[in-house]
Amino acid sequence: MEVRFHPHARDRMTERGATEDEVTGAVTHGEKFPAKFGRTGFRRNYHFEGAWRGKPYETKQVEAIAVEEGGGWLVITVMTKYF
């Protein structure tokens, strides 16, 4: 299954600390859930054990919102949560 990235998603990945591999992993192996406007969300937790914006966290959760397109997924936006 192909996972492609909208330019907006790439910008959000950089801004929010997610990598392309993490987002692809969320889409291919993460929890799937319905999102607004007929889109699909994917969520996956990653072991982080690092600092984000000066604060230490153990886990990073990557959430991708995507639309099915041409037999694959087009990721529209990406969100991260650290805890």
Protein backbone atom coordinates (compact mmCIF):
# COMPACT_ATOMS: atom_id res chain seq x y z
CA MET A 1 0.00 0.00 0.00
CA GLU A 2 1.40 3.35 -1.05
CA VAL A 3 1.44 6.25 1.42
CA ARG A 4 1.85 9.70 -0.12
CA PHE A 5 2.11 13.09 1.59
CA HIS A 6 0.32 16.33 0.79
CA PRO A 7 2.64 19.37 1.12
CA HIS A 8 0.57 20.54 4.11
CA ALA A 9 1.25 17.20 5.85
CA ARG A 10 5.01 17.52 5.22
CA ASP A 11 4.98 21.01 6.75
CA ARG A 12 3.11 19.78 9.83
CA MET A 13 5.47 16.80 10.22
CA THR A 14 8.45 19.14 10.38
CA GLU A 15 6.68 21.57 12.69
CA ARG A 16 5.41 18.87 15.07
CA GLY A 17 8.40 16.51 15.21
CA ALA A 18 7.13 13.49 13.27
CA THR A 19 9.19 11.60 10.71
CA GLU A 20 8.00 10.15 7.43
CA ASP A 21 8.72 6.65 8.75
CA GLU A 22 6.61 7.27 11.87
CA VAL A 23 3.66 8.56 9.85
CA THR A 24 3.92 5.69 7.37
CA GLY A 25 4.03 3.27 10.31
CA ALA A 26 0.91 4.86 11.79
CA VAL A 27 -0.95 4.46 8.50
CA THR A 28 0.18 0.89 7.83
CA HIS A 29 0.25 -0.54 11.38
CA GLY A 30 -1.62 1.88 13.63
CA GLU A 31 -5.12 2.16 15.00
CA LYS A 32 -7.63 3.22 12.35
CA PHE A 33 -10.55 5.53 13.21
CA PRO A 34 -13.13 7.67 11.38
CA ALA A 35 -12.28 11.37 11.03
CA LYS A 36 -14.25 14.44 9.94
CA PHE A 37 -15.34 15.03 6.35
CA GLY A 38 -15.24 11.32 5.43
CA ARG A 39 -11.52 11.05 6.06
CA THR A 40 -9.70 8.32 7.96
CA GLY A 41 -7.43 8.78 10.93
CA PHE A 42 -4.51 6.58 11.95
CA ARG A 43 -2.79 6.65 15.33
CA ARG A 44 0.30 4.93 16.71
CA ASN A 45 2.41 5.36 19.83
CA TYR A 46 6.21 5.30 19.65
CA HIS A 47 8.76 4.89 22.41
CA PHE A 48 10.39 8.34 22.55
CA GLU A 49 12.52 8.78 25.72
CA GLY A 50 13.61 12.23 24.62
CA ALA A 51 12.94 15.92 24.97
CA TRP A 52 10.50 17.96 22.93
CA ARG A 53 10.70 21.73 23.31
CA GLY A 54 12.80 21.38 26.43
CA LYS A 55 10.60 18.88 28.29
CA PRO A 56 11.28 15.15 28.67
CA TYR A 57 8.73 12.62 27.41
CA GLU A 58 8.61 8.83 27.22
CA THR A 59 6.06 8.43 24.43
CA LYS A 60 5.25 10.17 21.17
CA GLN A 61 1.84 9.59 19.59
CA VAL A 62 1.64 10.23 15.85
CA GLU A 63 -1.78 10.79 14.30
CA ALA A 64 -2.30 11.06 10.54
CA ILE A 65 -5.48 12.13 8.77
CA ALA A 66 -5.71 10.70 5.26
CA VAL A 67 -7.96 10.02 2.29
CA GLU A 68 -7.94 6.85 0.24
CA GLU A 69 -6.77 7.61 -3.27
CA GLY A 70 -5.71 5.37 -6.11
CA GLY A 71 -5.35 2.24 -4.00
CA GLY A 72 -3.20 3.98 -1.40
CA TRP A 73 -3.42 6.77 1.17
CA LEU A 74 -2.81 10.49 0.78
CA VAL A 75 -1.90 11.94 4.18
CA ILE A 76 -3.51 15.37 4.55
CA THR A 77 -2.24 16.43 7.97
CA VAL A 78 -0.23 15.11 10.89
CA MET A 79 -0.50 15.72 14.63
CA THR A 80 1.75 14.62 17.47
CA LYS A 81 1.23 14.32 21.20
CA TYR A 82 4.00 13.81 23.71
CA PHE A 83 3.43 12.20 27.09
